[in-house]
Structures are given as C-alpha cells and as structure tokens.
Amino acid sequence: MTQEDILQGNKLIAKFIGMKYDSNANVYEDDKNAYGLFSLKFHSSWDWLMPVVEKIENNLVNYSHEVVIFGEHCHINQGKTHDMGYSSKGSKIASTWSAVVDFIKWYNTQTK
C-alpha cells in the first residue's frame, strides 16, 4: 500500500461510517473529535477498524455480510455465495483494511 492508497482508503472509510468532512478546517469529525487526514488510523489500529467491520456485518439495511479474518487474509461475503472482497496483504490488519476498502467501493455502487 502506498501512502496515497492509505489516505484515499481512510477517507472512504471515514465517509462510510458517517464522519463529516469540514473542508474549512480540513478535518474529519465524529461525535467527539476532529481528525486531520493523516490522523485517521483505520489502516493501523484495530480500535479504529473493528467498528467498521461491525457496521459491515450488522448495520447495513437489506444486506447480510460476513467478515472472515484468518491468518493474514480477509474475506467479506454476502450471504453464503457472494465474495464481496478478499485480501492477502502480508499482515492481518493490512488485509482486513484492504478488504474493507474494496467492500466499501463495491457497496457504494450498489446503493446509488
């Protein structure tokens, strides 16, 4: 992953989970804090990434998804038949982050 890939993926995740972007301050805001683009840690912190995984599995209307993390791999499946994302990036968190980003890209095409 390049730094640009990380920045673009983290922006995509921030929007997906409902963080608001304040272009005047160039920050992403949740209910409690504001974060600069380089302060988003979805790619490096399980504390940041797991709520996104939980949203994918539990909080998407009309969709049922399963996130399977094993070894250095991650699959995101819809039901039992459709593979919506797969990643093997050399570490568990990098693979999960990459599969989540790919899933969000797919999901955004489904909801428009």
PDB file of N, CA and C in Angstrom:
ATOM      1  N   MET A   1       0.850  -1.187   0.000  1.00  0.00           N
ATOM      2  CA  MET A   1       0.000   0.000   0.000  1.00  0.00           C
ATOM      3  C   MET A   1       0.889   1.241   0.000  1.00  0.00           C
ATOM      4  N   THR A   2       0.572   2.150  -0.873  1.00  0.00           N
ATOM      5  CA  THR A   2       1.278   3.423  -0.871  1.00  0.00           C
ATOM      6  C   THR A   2       0.614   4.371   0.124  1.00  0.00           C
ATOM      7  N   GLN A   3       1.305   5.430   0.458  1.00  0.00           N
ATOM      8  CA  GLN A   3       0.723   6.436   1.350  1.00  0.00           C
ATOM      9  C   GLN A   3      -0.561   7.007   0.747  1.00  0.00           C
ATOM     10  N   GLU A   4      -0.574   7.207  -0.559  1.00  0.00           N
ATOM     11  CA  GLU A   4      -1.777   7.729  -1.229  1.00  0.00           C
ATOM     12  C   GLU A   4      -2.927   6.724  -1.132  1.00  0.00           C
ATOM     13  N   ASP A   5      -2.640   5.422  -1.294  1.00  0.00           N
ATOM     14  CA  ASP A   5      -3.671   4.390  -1.128  1.00  0.00           C
ATOM     15  C   ASP A   5      -4.267   4.452   0.272  1.00  0.00           C
ATOM     16  N   ILE A   6      -3.411   4.593   1.270  1.00  0.00           N
ATOM     17  CA  ILE A   6      -3.864   4.661   2.660  1.00  0.00           C
ATOM     18  C   ILE A   6      -4.738   5.886   2.876  1.00  0.00           C
ATOM     19  N   LEU A   7      -4.299   7.034   2.394  1.00  0.00           N
ATOM     20  CA  LEU A   7      -5.083   8.255   2.574  1.00  0.00           C
ATOM     21  C   LEU A   7      -6.444   8.147   1.911  1.00  0.00           C
ATOM     22  N   GLN A   8      -6.489   7.666   0.671  1.00  0.00           N
ATOM     23  CA  GLN A   8      -7.748   7.550  -0.054  1.00  0.00           C
ATOM     24  C   GLN A   8      -8.664   6.509   0.600  1.00  0.00           C
ATOM     25  N   GLY A   9      -8.094   5.383   1.031  1.00  0.00           N
ATOM     26  CA  GLY A   9      -8.889   4.361   1.698  1.00  0.00           C
ATOM     27  C   GLY A   9      -9.447   4.843   3.024  1.00  0.00           C
ATOM     28  N   ASN A  10      -8.630   5.546   3.804  1.00  0.00           N
ATOM     29  CA  ASN A  10      -9.110   6.063   5.084  1.00  0.00           C
ATOM     30  C   ASN A  10     -10.199   7.107   4.893  1.00  0.00           C
ATOM     31  N   LYS A  11     -10.094   7.932   3.858  1.00  0.00           N
ATOM     32  CA  LYS A  11     -11.156   8.901   3.560  1.00  0.00           C
ATOM     33  C   LYS A  11     -12.456   8.181   3.215  1.00  0.00           C
ATOM     34  N   LEU A  12     -12.360   7.131   2.419  1.00  0.00           N
ATOM     35  CA  LEU A  12     -13.527   6.349   2.032  1.00  0.00           C
ATOM     36  C   LEU A  12     -14.188   5.717   3.261  1.00  0.00           C
ATOM     37  N   ILE A  13     -13.376   5.150   4.146  1.00  0.00           N
ATOM     38  CA  ILE A  13     -13.907   4.537   5.362  1.00  0.00           C
ATOM     39  C   ILE A  13     -14.559   5.594   6.246  1.00  0.00           C
ATOM     40  N   ALA A  14     -13.898   6.736   6.419  1.00  0.00           N
ATOM     41  CA  ALA A  14     -14.453   7.804   7.267  1.00  0.00           C
ATOM     42  C   ALA A  14     -15.844   8.205   6.784  1.00  0.00           C
ATOM     43  N   LYS A  15     -15.996   8.379   5.497  1.00  0.00           N
ATOM     44  CA  LYS A  15     -17.304   8.741   4.936  1.00  0.00           C
ATOM     45  C   LYS A  15     -18.316   7.613   5.162  1.00  0.00           C
ATOM     46  N   PHE A  16     -17.892   6.367   4.959  1.00  0.00           N
ATOM     47  CA  PHE A  16     -18.765   5.207   5.110  1.00  0.00           C
ATOM     48  C   PHE A  16     -19.342   5.109   6.517  1.00  0.00           C
ATOM     49  N   ILE A  17     -18.546   5.421   7.529  1.00  0.00           N
ATOM     50  CA  ILE A  17     -19.035   5.292   8.904  1.00  0.00           C
ATOM     51  C   ILE A  17     -19.713   6.560   9.400  1.00  0.00           C
ATOM     52  N   GLY A  18     -19.825   7.560   8.528  1.00  0.00           N
ATOM     53  CA  GLY A  18     -20.594   8.748   8.882  1.00  0.00           C
ATOM     54  C   GLY A  18     -19.806   9.907   9.439  1.00  0.00           C
ATOM     55  N   MET A  19     -18.482   9.860   9.354  1.00  0.00           N
ATOM     56  CA  MET A  19     -17.704  11.021   9.773  1.00  0.00           C
ATOM     57  C   MET A  19     -17.958  12.152   8.777  1.00  0.00           C
ATOM     58  N   LYS A  20     -18.048  13.343   9.275  1.00  0.00           N
ATOM     59  CA  LYS A  20     -18.286  14.516   8.437  1.00  0.00           C
ATOM     60  C   LYS A  20     -16.958  15.183   8.107  1.00  0.00           C
ATOM     61  N   TYR A  21     -16.841  15.646   6.868  1.00  0.00           N
ATOM     62  CA  TYR A  21     -15.631  16.343   6.446  1.00  0.00           C
ATOM     63  C   TYR A  21     -15.877  17.839   6.512  1.00  0.00           C
ATOM     64  N   ASP A  22     -15.034  18.537   7.227  1.00  0.00           N
ATOM     65  CA  ASP A  22     -15.078  20.001   7.324  1.00  0.00           C
ATOM     66  C   ASP A  22     -13.969  20.541   6.432  1.00  0.00           C
ATOM     67  N   SER A  23     -14.348  21.016   5.256  1.00  0.00           N
ATOM     68  CA  SER A  23     -13.350  21.487   4.296  1.00  0.00           C
ATOM     69  C   SER A  23     -12.662  22.770   4.752  1.00  0.00           C
ATOM     70  N   ASN A  24     -13.318  23.552   5.583  1.00  0.00           N
ATOM     71  CA  ASN A  24     -12.684  24.775   6.090  1.00  0.00           C
ATOM     72  C   ASN A  24     -11.507  24.448   7.001  1.00  0.00           C
ATOM     73  N   ALA A  25     -11.670  23.448   7.842  1.00  0.00           N
ATOM     74  CA  ALA A  25     -10.612  23.065   8.772  1.00  0.00           C
ATOM     75  C   ALA A  25      -9.787  21.890   8.250  1.00  0.00           C
ATOM     76  N   ASN A  26     -10.230  21.268   7.141  1.00  0.00           N
ATOM     77  CA  ASN A  26      -9.572  20.108   6.553  1.00  0.00           C
ATOM     78  C   ASN A  26      -9.456  18.964   7.568  1.00  0.00           C
ATOM     79  N   VAL A  27     -10.590  18.659   8.236  1.00  0.00           N
ATOM     80  CA  VAL A  27     -10.622  17.594   9.228  1.00  0.00           C
ATOM     81  C   VAL A  27     -11.872  16.736   9.033  1.00  0.00           C
ATOM     82  N   TYR A  28     -11.795  15.505   9.538  1.00  0.00           N
ATOM     83  CA  TYR A  28     -12.934  14.606   9.623  1.00  0.00           C
ATOM     84  C   TYR A  28     -13.397  14.603  11.061  1.00  0.00           C
ATOM     85  N   GLU A  29     -14.716  14.695  11.255  1.00  0.00           N
ATOM     86  CA  GLU A  29     -15.262  14.805  12.606  1.00  0.00           C
ATOM     87  C   GLU A  29     -16.227  13.665  12.888  1.00  0.00           C
ATOM     88  N   ASP A  30     -16.114  13.101  14.104  1.00  0.00           N
ATOM     89  CA  ASP A  30     -17.138  12.191  14.600  1.00  0.00           C
ATOM     90  C   ASP A  30     -17.875  12.922  15.716  1.00  0.00           C
ATOM     91  N   ASP A  31     -18.599  12.209  16.536  1.00  0.00           N
ATOM     92  CA  ASP A  31     -19.386  12.863  17.586  1.00  0.00           C
ATOM     93  C   ASP A  31     -18.529  13.520  18.661  1.00  0.00           C
ATOM     94  N   LYS A  32     -17.274  13.121  18.778  1.00  0.00           N
ATOM     95  CA  LYS A  32     -16.435  13.589  19.882  1.00  0.00           C
ATOM     96  C   LYS A  32     -15.191  14.354  19.468  1.00  0.00           C
ATOM     97  N   ASN A  33     -14.622  14.036  18.320  1.00  0.00           N
ATOM     98  CA  ASN A  33     -13.306  14.562  17.958  1.00  0.00           C
ATOM     99  C   ASN A  33     -13.234  14.977  16.495  1.00  0.00           C
ATOM    100  N   ALA A  34     -12.177  15.702  16.201  1.00  0.00           N
ATOM    101  CA  ALA A  34     -11.839  16.058  14.827  1.00  0.00           C
ATOM    102  C   ALA A  34     -10.445  15.514  14.535  1.00  0.00           C
ATOM    103  N   TYR A  35     -10.282  14.987  13.319  1.00  0.00           N
ATOM    104  CA  TYR A  35      -9.021  14.352  12.944  1.00  0.00           C
ATOM    105  C   TYR A  35      -8.555  14.881  11.595  1.00  0.00           C
ATOM    106  N   GLY A  36      -7.302  15.242  11.513  1.00  0.00           N
ATOM    107  CA  GLY A  36      -6.701  15.559  10.228  1.00  0.00           C
ATOM    108  C   GLY A  36      -6.576  14.286   9.407  1.00  0.00           C
ATOM    109  N   LEU A  37      -6.447  14.427   8.118  1.00  0.00           N
ATOM    110  CA  LEU A  37      -6.387  13.262   7.235  1.00  0.00           C
ATOM    111  C   LEU A  37      -5.286  12.299   7.656  1.00  0.00           C
ATOM    112  N   PHE A  38      -4.146  12.808   8.061  1.00  0.00           N
ATOM    113  CA  PHE A  38      -3.036  11.943   8.449  1.00  0.00           C
ATOM    114  C   PHE A  38      -3.225  11.358   9.849  1.00  0.00           C
ATOM    115  N   SER A  39      -4.274  11.769  10.559  1.00  0.00           N
ATOM    116  CA  SER A  39      -4.559  11.246  11.897  1.00  0.00           C
ATOM    117  C   SER A  39      -5.552  10.094  11.876  1.00  0.00           C
ATOM    118  N   LEU A  40      -6.176   9.828  10.738  1.00  0.00           N
ATOM    119  CA  LEU A  40      -7.087   8.692  10.624  1.00  0.00           C
ATOM    120  C   LEU A  40      -6.266   7.404  10.681  1.00  0.00           C
ATOM    121  N   LYS A  41      -6.666   6.472  11.520  1.00  0.00           N
ATOM    122  CA  LYS A  41      -5.854   5.277  11.793  1.00  0.00           C
ATOM    123  C   LYS A  41      -6.539   3.960  11.437  1.00  0.00           C
ATOM    124  N   PHE A  42      -7.470   3.991  10.504  1.00  0.00           N
ATOM    125  CA  PHE A  42      -8.173   2.765  10.140  1.00  0.00           C
ATOM    126  C   PHE A  42      -7.204   1.692   9.640  1.00  0.00           C
ATOM    127  N   HIS A  43      -6.131   2.106   8.996  1.00  0.00           N
ATOM    128  CA  HIS A  43      -5.155   1.183   8.412  1.00  0.00           C
ATOM    129  C   HIS A  43      -4.192   0.578   9.425  1.00  0.00           C
ATOM    130  N   SER A  44      -4.131   1.153  10.637  1.00  0.00           N
ATOM    131  CA  SER A  44      -3.099   0.717  11.584  1.00  0.00           C
ATOM    132  C   SER A  44      -3.604   0.402  12.983  1.00  0.00           C
ATOM    133  N   SER A  45      -4.895   0.596  13.251  1.00  0.00           N
ATOM    134  CA  SER A  45      -5.415   0.378  14.596  1.00  0.00           C
ATOM    135  C   SER A  45      -6.676  -0.476  14.557  1.00  0.00           C
ATOM    136  N   TRP A  46      -6.639  -1.590  15.265  1.00  0.00           N
ATOM    137  CA  TRP A  46      -7.834  -2.418  15.371  1.00  0.00           C
ATOM    138  C   TRP A  46      -8.957  -1.659  16.069  1.00  0.00           C
ATOM    139  N   ASP A  47      -8.614  -0.767  16.993  1.00  0.00           N
ATOM    140  CA  ASP A  47      -9.637   0.035  17.676  1.00  0.00           C
ATOM    141  C   ASP A  47     -10.414   0.895  16.693  1.00  0.00           C
ATOM    142  N   TRP A  48      -9.777   1.325  15.631  1.00  0.00           N
ATOM    143  CA  TRP A  48     -10.445   2.120  14.594  1.00  0.00           C
ATOM    144  C   TRP A  48     -11.158   1.217  13.580  1.00  0.00           C
ATOM    145  N   LEU A  49     -10.529   0.111  13.210  1.00  0.00           N
ATOM    146  CA  LEU A  49     -11.038  -0.712  12.105  1.00  0.00           C
ATOM    147  C   LEU A  49     -12.193  -1.624  12.507  1.00  0.00           C
ATOM    148  N   MET A  50     -12.185  -2.163  13.714  1.00  0.00           N
ATOM    149  CA  MET A  50     -13.218  -3.133  14.094  1.00  0.00           C
ATOM    150  C   MET A  50     -14.638  -2.552  14.118  1.00  0.00           C
ATOM    151  N   PRO A  51     -14.862  -1.293  14.526  1.00  0.00           N
ATOM    152  CA  PRO A  51     -16.227  -0.761  14.396  1.00  0.00           C
ATOM    153  C   PRO A  51     -16.720  -0.719  12.943  1.00  0.00           C
ATOM    154  N   VAL A  52     -15.801  -0.574  11.998  1.00  0.00           N
ATOM    155  CA  VAL A  52     -16.163  -0.590  10.579  1.00  0.00           C
ATOM    156  C   VAL A  52     -16.572  -2.012  10.189  1.00  0.00           C
ATOM    157  N   VAL A  53     -15.802  -2.999  10.627  1.00  0.00           N
ATOM    158  CA  VAL A  53     -16.138  -4.402  10.385  1.00  0.00           C
ATOM    159  C   VAL A  53     -17.505  -4.710  10.973  1.00  0.00           C
ATOM    160  N   GLU A  54     -17.763  -4.256  12.186  1.00  0.00           N
ATOM    161  CA  GLU A  54     -19.056  -4.499  12.823  1.00  0.00           C
ATOM    162  C   GLU A  54     -20.190  -3.832  12.055  1.00  0.00           C
ATOM    163  N   LYS A  55     -19.961  -2.651  11.522  1.00  0.00           N
ATOM    164  CA  LYS A  55     -21.000  -2.000  10.713  1.00  0.00           C
ATOM    165  C   LYS A  55     -21.297  -2.835   9.472  1.00  0.00           C
ATOM    166  N   ILE A  56     -20.255  -3.333   8.827  1.00  0.00           N
ATOM    167  CA  ILE A  56     -20.455  -4.158   7.635  1.00  0.00           C
ATOM    168  C   ILE A  56     -21.269  -5.399   7.975  1.00  0.00           C
ATOM    169  N   GLU A  57     -20.967  -6.037   9.100  1.00  0.00           N
ATOM    170  CA  GLU A  57     -21.664  -7.270   9.463  1.00  0.00           C
ATOM    171  C   GLU A  57     -23.068  -7.046  10.012  1.00  0.00           C
ATOM    172  N   ASN A  58     -23.311  -5.931  10.695  1.00  0.00           N
ATOM    173  CA  ASN A  58     -24.545  -5.809  11.469  1.00  0.00           C
ATOM    174  C   ASN A  58     -25.460  -4.650  11.125  1.00  0.00           C
ATOM    175  N   ASN A  59     -24.999  -3.659  10.430  1.00  0.00           N
ATOM    176  CA  ASN A  59     -25.785  -2.430  10.353  1.00  0.00           C
ATOM    177  C   ASN A  59     -26.126  -1.956   8.950  1.00  0.00           C
ATOM    178  N   LEU A  60     -26.077  -2.807   7.977  1.00  0.00           N
ATOM    179  CA  LEU A  60     -26.412  -2.399   6.621  1.00  0.00           C
ATOM    180  C   LEU A  60     -27.783  -2.944   6.253  1.00  0.00           C
ATOM    181  N   VAL A  61     -28.724  -2.061   6.043  1.00  0.00           N
ATOM    182  CA  VAL A  61     -30.096  -2.447   5.718  1.00  0.00           C
ATOM    183  C   VAL A  61     -30.112  -3.203   4.390  1.00  0.00           C
ATOM    184  N   ASN A  62     -30.873  -4.261   4.341  1.00  0.00           N
ATOM    185  CA  ASN A  62     -31.078  -5.084   3.144  1.00  0.00           C
ATOM    186  C   ASN A  62     -29.846  -5.888   2.728  1.00  0.00           C
ATOM    187  N   TYR A  63     -28.848  -5.936   3.558  1.00  0.00           N
ATOM    188  CA  TYR A  63     -27.648  -6.701   3.230  1.00  0.00           C
ATOM    189  C   TYR A  63     -27.247  -7.534   4.436  1.00  0.00           C
ATOM    190  N   SER A  64     -26.757  -8.725   4.194  1.00  0.00           N
ATOM    191  CA  SER A  64     -26.221  -9.578   5.239  1.00  0.00           C
ATOM    192  C   SER A  64     -24.801  -9.955   4.827  1.00  0.00           C
ATOM    193  N   HIS A  65     -23.834  -9.522   5.613  1.00  0.00           N
ATOM    194  CA  HIS A  65     -22.444  -9.770   5.265  1.00  0.00           C
ATOM    195  C   HIS A  65     -21.707 -10.449   6.409  1.00  0.00           C
ATOM    196  N   GLU A  66     -20.686 -11.168   6.037  1.00  0.00           N
ATOM    197  CA  GLU A  66     -19.826 -11.840   6.993  1.00  0.00           C
ATOM    198  C   GLU A  66     -18.394 -11.446   6.686  1.00  0.00           C
ATOM    199  N   VAL A  67     -17.676 -10.987   7.682  1.00  0.00           N
ATOM    200  CA  VAL A  67     -16.260 -10.666   7.533  1.00  0.00           C
ATOM    201  C   VAL A  67     -15.481 -11.793   8.200  1.00  0.00           C
ATOM    202  N   VAL A  68     -14.661 -12.472   7.421  1.00  0.00           N
ATOM    203  CA  VAL A  68     -13.883 -13.600   7.921  1.00  0.00           C
ATOM    204  C   VAL A  68     -12.409 -13.211   7.873  1.00  0.00           C
ATOM    205  N   ILE A  69     -11.819 -13.115   9.046  1.00  0.00           N
ATOM    206  CA  ILE A  69     -10.406 -12.767   9.168  1.00  0.00           C
ATOM    207  C   ILE A  69      -9.681 -14.011   9.645  1.00  0.00           C
ATOM    208  N   PHE A  70      -8.689 -14.440   8.878  1.00  0.00           N
ATOM    209  CA  PHE A  70      -7.949 -15.645   9.270  1.00  0.00           C
ATOM    210  C   PHE A  70      -6.513 -15.517   8.785  1.00  0.00           C
ATOM    211  N   GLY A  71      -5.590 -15.816   9.671  1.00  0.00           N
ATOM    212  CA  GLY A  71      -4.181 -15.676   9.319  1.00  0.00           C
ATOM    213  C   GLY A  71      -3.903 -14.275   8.818  1.00  0.00           C
ATOM    214  N   GLU A  72      -3.333 -14.185   7.656  1.00  0.00           N
ATOM    215  CA  GLU A  72      -3.041 -12.899   7.031  1.00  0.00           C
ATOM    216  C   GLU A  72      -4.017 -12.594   5.900  1.00  0.00           C
ATOM    217  N   HIS A  73      -5.224 -13.128   5.992  1.00  0.00           N
ATOM    218  CA  HIS A  73      -6.225 -12.995   4.944  1.00  0.00           C
ATOM    219  C   HIS A  73      -7.523 -12.437   5.500  1.00  0.00           C
ATOM    220  N   CYS A  74      -8.331 -11.881   4.604  1.00  0.00           N
ATOM    221  CA  CYS A  74      -9.663 -11.418   4.983  1.00  0.00           C
ATOM    222  C   CYS A  74     -10.598 -11.594   3.801  1.00  0.00           C
ATOM    223  N   HIS A  75     -11.751 -12.198   4.078  1.00  0.00           N
ATOM    224  CA  HIS A  75     -12.842 -12.332   3.105  1.00  0.00           C
ATOM    225  C   HIS A  75     -14.035 -11.545   3.619  1.00  0.00           C
ATOM    226  N   ILE A  76     -14.751 -10.903   2.731  1.00  0.00           N
ATOM    227  CA  ILE A  76     -16.053 -10.329   3.076  1.00  0.00           C
ATOM    228  C   ILE A  76     -17.056 -10.958   2.125  1.00  0.00           C
ATOM    229  N   ASN A  77     -18.020 -11.656   2.711  1.00  0.00           N
ATOM    230  CA  ASN A  77     -19.004 -12.409   1.944  1.00  0.00           C
ATOM    231  C   ASN A  77     -20.391 -11.845   2.151  1.00  0.00           C
ATOM    232  N   GLN A  78     -21.198 -11.903   1.093  1.00  0.00           N
ATOM    233  CA  GLN A  78     -22.620 -11.588   1.213  1.00  0.00           C
ATOM    234  C   GLN A  78     -23.349 -12.914   1.223  1.00  0.00           C
ATOM    235  N   GLY A  79     -24.043 -13.168   2.324  1.00  0.00           N
ATOM    236  CA  GLY A  79     -24.686 -14.465   2.458  1.00  0.00           C
ATOM    237  C   GLY A  79     -23.645 -15.565   2.410  1.00  0.00           C
ATOM    238  N   LYS A  80     -23.974 -16.660   1.748  1.00  0.00           N
ATOM    239  CA  LYS A  80     -23.036 -17.778   1.672  1.00  0.00           C
ATOM    240  C   LYS A  80     -22.425 -17.930   0.289  1.00  0.00           C
ATOM    241  N   THR A  81     -22.842 -17.089  -0.659  1.00  0.00           N
ATOM    242  CA  THR A  81     -22.438 -17.361  -2.033  1.00  0.00           C
ATOM    243  C   THR A  81     -21.619 -16.270  -2.701  1.00  0.00           C
ATOM    244  N   HIS A  82     -21.709 -15.041  -2.270  1.00  0.00           N
ATOM    245  CA  HIS A  82     -21.070 -13.950  -2.988  1.00  0.00           C
ATOM    246  C   HIS A  82     -19.862 -13.422  -2.221  1.00  0.00           C
ATOM    247  N   ASP A  83     -18.688 -13.505  -2.827  1.00  0.00           N
ATOM    248  CA  ASP A  83     -17.463 -12.981  -2.238  1.00  0.00           C
ATOM    249  C   ASP A  83     -17.345 -11.518  -2.642  1.00  0.00           C
ATOM    250  N   MET A  84     -17.501 -10.600  -1.683  1.00  0.00           N
ATOM    251  CA  MET A  84     -17.509  -9.167  -1.978  1.00  0.00           C
ATOM    252  C   MET A  84     -16.130  -8.541  -1.825  1.00  0.00           C
ATOM    253  N   GLY A  85     -15.209  -9.243  -1.243  1.00  0.00           N
ATOM    254  CA  GLY A  85     -13.877  -8.698  -1.079  1.00  0.00           C
ATOM    255  C   GLY A  85     -12.951  -9.754  -0.519  1.00  0.00           C
ATOM    256  N   TYR A  86     -11.736  -9.775  -1.015  1.00  0.00           N
ATOM    257  CA  TYR A  86     -10.724 -10.689  -0.500  1.00  0.00           C
ATOM    258  C   TYR A  86      -9.403  -9.954  -0.523  1.00  0.00           C
ATOM    259  N   SER A  87      -8.616 -10.164   0.513  1.00  0.00           N
ATOM    260  CA  SER A  87      -7.315  -9.529   0.538  1.00  0.00           C
ATOM    261  C   SER A  87      -6.323 -10.395   1.284  1.00  0.00           C
ATOM    262  N   SER A  88      -5.114 -10.401   0.789  1.00  0.00           N
ATOM    263  CA  SER A  88      -3.988 -11.049   1.441  1.00  0.00           C
ATOM    264  C   SER A  88      -2.796 -10.122   1.273  1.00  0.00           C
ATOM    265  N   LYS A  89      -2.537  -9.286   2.251  1.00  0.00           N
ATOM    266  CA  LYS A  89      -1.535  -8.227   2.136  1.00  0.00           C
ATOM    267  C   LYS A  89      -0.326  -8.416   3.034  1.00  0.00           C
ATOM    268  N   GLY A  90      -0.159  -9.578   3.637  1.00  0.00           N
ATOM    269  CA  GLY A  90       1.035  -9.815   4.431  1.00  0.00           C
ATOM    270  C   GLY A  90       0.871  -9.592   5.922  1.00  0.00           C
ATOM    271  N   SER A  91      -0.190  -8.928   6.329  1.00  0.00           N
ATOM    272  CA  SER A  91      -0.497  -8.812   7.752  1.00  0.00           C
ATOM    273  C   SER A  91      -2.007  -8.832   7.915  1.00  0.00           C
ATOM    274  N   LYS A  92      -2.440  -9.248   9.070  1.00  0.00           N
ATOM    275  CA  LYS A  92      -3.874  -9.365   9.332  1.00  0.00           C
ATOM    276  C   LYS A  92      -4.579  -8.017   9.180  1.00  0.00           C
ATOM    277  N   ILE A  93      -4.027  -6.953   9.768  1.00  0.00           N
ATOM    278  CA  ILE A  93      -4.709  -5.650   9.718  1.00  0.00           C
ATOM    279  C   ILE A  93      -4.659  -5.056   8.310  1.00  0.00           C
ATOM    280  N   ALA A  94      -3.557  -5.215   7.616  1.00  0.00           N
ATOM    281  CA  ALA A  94      -3.472  -4.682   6.244  1.00  0.00           C
ATOM    282  C   ALA A  94      -4.451  -5.398   5.327  1.00  0.00           C
ATOM    283  N   SER A  95      -4.577  -6.710   5.490  1.00  0.00           N
ATOM    284  CA  SER A  95      -5.519  -7.475   4.670  1.00  0.00           C
ATOM    285  C   SER A  95      -6.958  -7.088   4.974  1.00  0.00           C
ATOM    286  N   THR A  96      -7.264  -6.926   6.257  1.00  0.00           N
ATOM    287  CA  THR A  96      -8.625  -6.550   6.648  1.00  0.00           C
ATOM    288  C   THR A  96      -8.953  -5.156   6.148  1.00  0.00           C
ATOM    289  N   TRP A  97      -8.039  -4.213   6.332  1.00  0.00           N
ATOM    290  CA  TRP A  97      -8.253  -2.841   5.858  1.00  0.00           C
ATOM    291  C   TRP A  97      -8.498  -2.838   4.345  1.00  0.00           C
ATOM    292  N   SER A  98      -7.679  -3.559   3.603  1.00  0.00           N
ATOM    293  CA  SER A  98      -7.814  -3.593   2.144  1.00  0.00           C
ATOM    294  C   SER A  98      -9.136  -4.211   1.713  1.00  0.00           C
ATOM    295  N   ALA A  99      -9.549  -5.306   2.356  1.00  0.00           N
ATOM    296  CA  ALA A  99     -10.836  -5.931   2.021  1.00  0.00           C
ATOM    297  C   ALA A  99     -11.992  -4.988   2.355  1.00  0.00           C
ATOM    298  N   VAL A 100     -11.889  -4.265   3.466  1.00  0.00           N
ATOM    299  CA  VAL A 100     -12.926  -3.296   3.846  1.00  0.00           C
ATOM    300  C   VAL A 100     -13.022  -2.191   2.794  1.00  0.00           C
ATOM    301  N   VAL A 101     -11.901  -1.670   2.356  1.00  0.00           N
ATOM    302  CA  VAL A 101     -11.907  -0.616   1.331  1.00  0.00           C
ATOM    303  C   VAL A 101     -12.535  -1.137   0.039  1.00  0.00           C
ATOM    304  N   ASP A 102     -12.143  -2.340  -0.386  1.00  0.00           N
ATOM    305  CA  ASP A 102     -12.732  -2.917  -1.598  1.00  0.00           C
ATOM    306  C   ASP A 102     -14.236  -3.126  -1.428  1.00  0.00           C
ATOM    307  N   PHE A 103     -14.647  -3.600  -0.254  1.00  0.00           N
ATOM    308  CA  PHE A 103     -16.062  -3.789   0.010  1.00  0.00           C
ATOM    309  C   PHE A 103     -16.817  -2.459  -0.086  1.00  0.00           C
ATOM    310  N   ILE A 104     -16.292  -1.411   0.535  1.00  0.00           N
ATOM    311  CA  ILE A 104     -16.974  -0.112   0.520  1.00  0.00           C
ATOM    312  C   ILE A 104     -17.099   0.406  -0.906  1.00  0.00           C
ATOM    313  N   LYS A 105     -16.089   0.230  -1.723  1.00  0.00           N
ATOM    314  CA  LYS A 105     -16.170   0.630  -3.135  1.00  0.00           C
ATOM    315  C   LYS A 105     -17.308  -0.111  -3.824  1.00  0.00           C
ATOM    316  N   TRP A 106     -17.390  -1.430  -3.592  1.00  0.00           N
ATOM    317  CA  TRP A 106     -18.484  -2.213  -4.169  1.00  0.00           C
ATOM    318  C   TRP A 106     -19.828  -1.743  -3.614  1.00  0.00           C
ATOM    319  N   TYR A 107     -19.923  -1.605  -2.296  1.00  0.00           N
ATOM    320  CA  TYR A 107     -21.172  -1.219  -1.644  1.00  0.00           C
ATOM    321  C   TYR A 107     -21.681   0.126  -2.176  1.00  0.00           C
ATOM    322  N   ASN A 108     -20.784   1.064  -2.368  1.00  0.00           N
ATOM    323  CA  ASN A 108     -21.188   2.382  -2.870  1.00  0.00           C
ATOM    324  C   ASN A 108     -21.789   2.292  -4.263  1.00  0.00           C
ATOM    325  N   THR A 109     -21.402   1.321  -5.067  1.00  0.00           N
ATOM    326  CA  THR A 109     -22.010   1.167  -6.392  1.00  0.00           C
ATOM    327  C   THR A 109     -23.394   0.540  -6.285  1.00  0.00           C
ATOM    328  N   GLN A 110     -23.672  -0.174  -5.205  1.00  0.00           N
ATOM    329  CA  GLN A 110     -24.956  -0.844  -5.008  1.00  0.00           C
ATOM    330  C   GLN A 110     -26.025   0.088  -4.456  1.00  0.00           C
ATOM    331  N   THR A 111     -25.619   1.144  -3.778  1.00  0.00           N
ATOM    332  CA  THR A 111     -26.575   1.987  -3.061  1.00  0.00           C
ATOM    333  C   THR A 111     -26.878   3.285  -3.768  1.00  0.00           C
ATOM    334  N   LYS A 112     -26.412   3.458  -4.987  1.00  0.00           N
ATOM    335  CA  LYS A 112     -26.658   4.715  -5.717  1.00  0.00           C
ATOM    336  C   LYS A 112     -27.783   4.565  -6.684  1.00  0.00           C
TER     337      LYS A 112
END
